[in-house]
C-alpha cells in the first residue's frame, strides 16, 4: 500500500521524491515520525507552535490564512473539522 500511496502522491504533487519510506506519520501534534513534507516543508506546524496554539483551530486568522488554504483549501471536511474543534474548545 505504501508504494501505491507514494505513487499517487507523486502524481498529485507532480514530483518523484515521495518514496514509500517517506510516508510514515504519527500526526502533527505528536512527537513521533513525520511525513517528510510535514517535517521539512510545511509552514503550518511552525506557525502554530510559534503562536502557542494546539492547532490552527485556535487562530483568529484561520479563515484567511494562506498557509492553511494551501494545504486544505479544497478540503471542506478539514475546514469544518477545524471549526468544530474551535467551537468545542470555546465551550
N, C-alpha and C. Protein backbone atom coordinates (compact mmCIF):
# COMPACT_ATOMS: atom_id res chain seq x y z
N UNK A 1 0.82 -1.20 0.00
CA UNK A 1 0.00 0.00 0.00
C UNK A 1 0.86 1.26 0.00
N UNK A 2 2.00 1.20 0.67
CA UNK A 2 2.88 2.38 0.70
C UNK A 2 3.33 2.75 -0.72
N UNK A 3 3.61 1.75 -1.53
CA UNK A 3 4.02 2.03 -2.91
C UNK A 3 2.89 2.70 -3.68
N UNK A 4 1.67 2.23 -3.48
CA UNK A 4 0.52 2.82 -4.16
C UNK A 4 0.31 4.26 -3.70
N UNK A 5 0.38 4.49 -2.40
CA UNK A 5 0.20 5.84 -1.86
C UNK A 5 1.31 6.76 -2.37
N UNK A 6 2.55 6.31 -2.33
CA UNK A 6 3.64 7.16 -2.79
C UNK A 6 3.48 7.49 -4.27
N UNK A 7 3.05 6.54 -5.06
CA UNK A 7 2.84 6.78 -6.49
C UNK A 7 1.73 7.82 -6.71
N UNK A 8 0.63 7.68 -5.97
CA UNK A 8 -0.48 8.63 -6.10
C UNK A 8 -0.07 10.02 -5.65
N UNK A 9 0.64 10.12 -4.53
CA UNK A 9 1.07 11.43 -4.04
C UNK A 9 2.05 12.07 -5.00
N UNK A 10 2.92 11.28 -5.60
CA UNK A 10 3.84 11.83 -6.60
C UNK A 10 3.06 12.43 -7.77
N UNK A 11 2.00 11.75 -8.18
CA UNK A 11 1.17 12.28 -9.26
C UNK A 11 0.48 13.57 -8.83
N UNK A 12 -0.11 13.56 -7.65
CA UNK A 12 -0.84 14.73 -7.16
C UNK A 12 0.07 15.94 -7.03
N UNK A 13 1.26 15.72 -6.46
CA UNK A 13 2.17 16.83 -6.17
C UNK A 13 3.22 17.06 -7.26
N UNK A 14 3.09 16.33 -8.37
CA UNK A 14 3.98 16.49 -9.53
C UNK A 14 5.45 16.40 -9.12
N UNK A 15 5.78 15.29 -8.48
CA UNK A 15 7.15 15.07 -8.03
C UNK A 15 7.46 13.58 -8.10
N UNK A 16 8.71 13.25 -7.91
CA UNK A 16 9.10 11.84 -7.85
C UNK A 16 9.86 11.54 -6.56
N UNK A 17 9.83 12.46 -5.61
CA UNK A 17 10.62 12.28 -4.39
C UNK A 17 9.85 11.66 -3.23
N UNK A 18 8.56 11.39 -3.42
CA UNK A 18 7.78 10.79 -2.34
C UNK A 18 7.86 9.27 -2.48
N UNK A 19 8.82 8.71 -1.79
CA UNK A 19 9.04 7.27 -1.85
C UNK A 19 8.30 6.58 -0.70
N UNK A 20 8.04 5.28 -0.81
CA UNK A 20 7.30 4.57 0.24
C UNK A 20 7.88 4.74 1.64
N UNK A 21 9.18 4.87 1.76
CA UNK A 21 9.79 5.01 3.08
C UNK A 21 9.60 6.41 3.67
N UNK A 22 9.06 7.35 2.89
CA UNK A 22 8.89 8.72 3.37
C UNK A 22 7.45 9.08 3.73
N UNK A 23 6.55 8.10 3.76
CA UNK A 23 5.15 8.45 4.01
C UNK A 23 4.66 8.04 5.39
N UNK A 24 5.56 7.71 6.29
CA UNK A 24 5.17 7.39 7.67
C UNK A 24 4.84 8.68 8.40
N UNK A 25 3.81 8.65 9.26
CA UNK A 25 3.47 9.84 10.03
C UNK A 25 2.61 9.45 11.23
N UNK A 26 2.95 10.02 12.38
CA UNK A 26 2.15 9.77 13.58
C UNK A 26 1.29 10.99 13.93
N UNK A 27 1.22 11.96 13.03
CA UNK A 27 0.38 13.13 13.23
C UNK A 27 1.14 14.37 13.64
N UNK A 28 0.56 15.51 13.36
CA UNK A 28 1.21 16.80 13.62
C UNK A 28 1.47 17.05 15.10
N UNK A 29 0.54 16.66 15.94
CA UNK A 29 0.66 17.06 17.33
C UNK A 29 1.51 16.12 18.18
N UNK A 30 1.85 14.96 17.64
CA UNK A 30 2.68 14.03 18.38
C UNK A 30 4.16 14.27 18.14
N UNK A 31 4.99 13.57 18.89
CA UNK A 31 6.43 13.72 18.73
C UNK A 31 7.05 12.61 17.90
N UNK A 32 6.23 11.75 17.34
CA UNK A 32 6.74 10.60 16.59
C UNK A 32 7.17 10.94 15.19
N UNK A 33 7.20 9.92 14.35
CA UNK A 33 7.65 10.02 12.96
C UNK A 33 6.74 10.96 12.17
N UNK A 34 7.33 11.77 11.33
CA UNK A 34 6.59 12.69 10.48
C UNK A 34 6.87 12.40 9.01
N UNK A 35 5.86 12.56 8.20
CA UNK A 35 5.99 12.51 6.76
C UNK A 35 6.97 13.62 6.37
N UNK A 36 7.86 13.38 5.43
CA UNK A 36 8.95 14.32 5.16
C UNK A 36 8.44 15.72 4.81
N UNK A 37 7.32 15.85 4.11
CA UNK A 37 6.80 17.18 3.81
C UNK A 37 6.50 17.92 5.11
N UNK A 38 5.85 17.22 6.02
CA UNK A 38 5.44 17.85 7.28
C UNK A 38 6.65 18.26 8.12
N UNK A 39 7.66 17.43 8.14
CA UNK A 39 8.82 17.74 8.96
C UNK A 39 9.79 18.73 8.31
N UNK A 40 9.77 18.82 7.01
CA UNK A 40 10.76 19.64 6.31
C UNK A 40 10.21 20.87 5.60
N UNK A 41 8.96 20.81 5.15
CA UNK A 41 8.47 21.86 4.27
C UNK A 41 7.20 22.57 4.75
N UNK A 42 6.42 21.94 5.57
CA UNK A 42 5.14 22.52 5.98
C UNK A 42 5.35 23.77 6.84
N UNK A 43 4.60 24.81 6.55
CA UNK A 43 4.69 26.06 7.30
C UNK A 43 3.68 26.13 8.43
N UNK A 44 2.73 25.21 8.46
CA UNK A 44 1.65 25.28 9.44
C UNK A 44 2.11 24.94 10.85
N UNK A 45 2.78 23.82 11.04
CA UNK A 45 3.21 23.41 12.38
C UNK A 45 4.10 24.46 13.03
N UNK A 46 5.12 24.99 12.36
CA UNK A 46 5.94 26.04 12.99
C UNK A 46 5.11 27.29 13.35
N UNK A 47 4.14 27.63 12.52
CA UNK A 47 3.29 28.80 12.79
C UNK A 47 2.45 28.55 14.05
N UNK A 48 1.83 27.39 14.12
CA UNK A 48 1.00 27.04 15.28
C UNK A 48 1.87 27.04 16.55
N UNK A 49 3.04 26.44 16.47
CA UNK A 49 3.94 26.37 17.61
C UNK A 49 4.38 27.77 18.04
N UNK A 50 4.75 28.60 17.07
CA UNK A 50 5.20 29.97 17.35
C UNK A 50 4.12 30.79 18.06
N UNK A 51 2.86 30.53 17.69
CA UNK A 51 1.75 31.27 18.30
C UNK A 51 1.28 30.64 19.61
N UNK A 52 1.83 29.47 19.95
CA UNK A 52 1.48 28.82 21.21
C UNK A 52 0.14 28.10 21.18
N UNK A 53 -0.32 27.71 20.00
CA UNK A 53 -1.61 27.02 19.85
C UNK A 53 -1.42 25.52 19.79
N UNK A 54 -2.51 24.81 20.03
CA UNK A 54 -2.54 23.36 19.82
C UNK A 54 -2.74 23.05 18.34
N UNK A 55 -3.59 23.86 17.68
CA UNK A 55 -3.86 23.68 16.26
C UNK A 55 -4.31 25.00 15.65
N UNK A 56 -4.51 25.00 14.35
CA UNK A 56 -4.97 26.19 13.65
C UNK A 56 -6.36 26.60 14.12
N UNK A 57 -7.09 25.68 14.69
CA UNK A 57 -8.46 25.96 15.14
C UNK A 57 -8.50 27.11 16.13
N UNK A 58 -7.41 27.35 16.85
CA UNK A 58 -7.37 28.41 17.86
C UNK A 58 -7.06 29.78 17.27
N UNK A 59 -6.65 29.83 16.04
CA UNK A 59 -6.17 31.08 15.44
C UNK A 59 -7.32 31.89 14.85
N UNK A 60 -7.37 33.16 15.21
CA UNK A 60 -8.41 34.06 14.70
C UNK A 60 -8.26 34.30 13.19
N UNK A 61 -7.08 34.04 12.65
CA UNK A 61 -6.82 34.26 11.23
C UNK A 61 -7.04 33.00 10.39
N UNK A 62 -7.59 31.95 10.98
CA UNK A 62 -7.73 30.66 10.30
C UNK A 62 -8.44 30.78 8.95
N UNK A 63 -9.53 31.52 8.89
CA UNK A 63 -10.31 31.60 7.64
C UNK A 63 -9.59 32.33 6.52
N UNK A 64 -8.65 33.21 6.87
CA UNK A 64 -7.94 33.97 5.83
C UNK A 64 -6.48 33.56 5.68
N UNK A 65 -6.08 32.48 6.30
CA UNK A 65 -4.68 32.07 6.32
C UNK A 65 -4.26 31.41 4.99
N UNK A 66 -3.27 32.00 4.34
CA UNK A 66 -2.77 31.46 3.08
C UNK A 66 -2.05 30.13 3.28
N UNK A 67 -1.35 29.98 4.41
CA UNK A 67 -0.64 28.72 4.69
C UNK A 67 -1.63 27.57 4.80
N UNK A 68 -2.69 27.80 5.56
CA UNK A 68 -3.70 26.77 5.76
C UNK A 68 -4.45 26.49 4.46
N UNK A 69 -4.79 27.53 3.73
CA UNK A 69 -5.52 27.37 2.47
C UNK A 69 -4.72 26.53 1.47
N UNK A 70 -3.40 26.69 1.48
CA UNK A 70 -2.56 25.93 0.56
C UNK A 70 -2.63 24.43 0.86
N UNK A 71 -2.85 24.08 2.10
CA UNK A 71 -2.89 22.67 2.49
C UNK A 71 -4.28 22.07 2.44
N UNK A 72 -5.28 22.82 2.88
CA UNK A 72 -6.62 22.24 2.96
C UNK A 72 -7.66 23.04 2.19
N UNK A 73 -7.22 23.95 1.35
CA UNK A 73 -8.12 24.83 0.63
C UNK A 73 -9.26 24.15 -0.10
N UNK A 74 -9.04 22.98 -0.62
CA UNK A 74 -10.07 22.27 -1.35
C UNK A 74 -10.70 21.14 -0.55
N UNK A 75 -10.48 21.16 0.74
CA UNK A 75 -11.00 20.08 1.59
C UNK A 75 -11.96 20.66 2.62
N UNK A 76 -13.21 20.75 2.25
CA UNK A 76 -14.22 21.34 3.12
C UNK A 76 -14.34 20.59 4.45
N UNK A 77 -14.18 19.28 4.41
CA UNK A 77 -14.27 18.48 5.63
C UNK A 77 -13.19 18.89 6.63
N UNK A 78 -11.98 19.12 6.14
CA UNK A 78 -10.89 19.53 7.03
C UNK A 78 -11.18 20.90 7.64
N UNK A 79 -11.69 21.82 6.83
CA UNK A 79 -12.05 23.15 7.35
C UNK A 79 -13.14 23.03 8.41
N UNK A 80 -14.15 22.23 8.11
CA UNK A 80 -15.25 22.04 9.06
C UNK A 80 -14.75 21.43 10.36
N UNK A 81 -13.83 20.48 10.26
CA UNK A 81 -13.27 19.86 11.46
C UNK A 81 -12.54 20.88 12.33
N UNK A 82 -11.76 21.76 11.71
CA UNK A 82 -11.06 22.80 12.47
C UNK A 82 -12.05 23.74 13.15
N UNK A 83 -13.10 24.10 12.43
CA UNK A 83 -14.12 24.98 13.02
C UNK A 83 -14.83 24.29 14.19
N UNK A 84 -15.09 23.00 14.04
CA UNK A 84 -15.73 22.23 15.11
C UNK A 84 -14.82 22.13 16.34
N UNK A 85 -13.54 21.94 16.11
CA UNK A 85 -12.57 21.91 17.21
C UNK A 85 -12.59 23.25 17.94
N UNK A 86 -12.60 24.33 17.19
CA UNK A 86 -12.61 25.67 17.79
C UNK A 86 -13.87 25.89 18.62
N UNK A 87 -15.01 25.49 18.10
CA UNK A 87 -16.28 25.65 18.80
C UNK A 87 -16.30 24.82 20.06
N UNK A 88 -15.79 23.60 19.99
CA UNK A 88 -15.78 22.69 21.15
C UNK A 88 -14.86 23.24 22.24
N UNK A 89 -13.70 23.77 21.86
CA UNK A 89 -12.76 24.27 22.85
C UNK A 89 -13.25 25.58 23.49
N UNK A 90 -14.14 26.30 22.80
CA UNK A 90 -14.66 27.56 23.33
C UNK A 90 -15.77 27.32 24.37
N UNK A 91 -16.32 26.12 24.38
CA UNK A 91 -17.43 25.82 25.30
C UNK A 91 -16.98 25.66 26.72
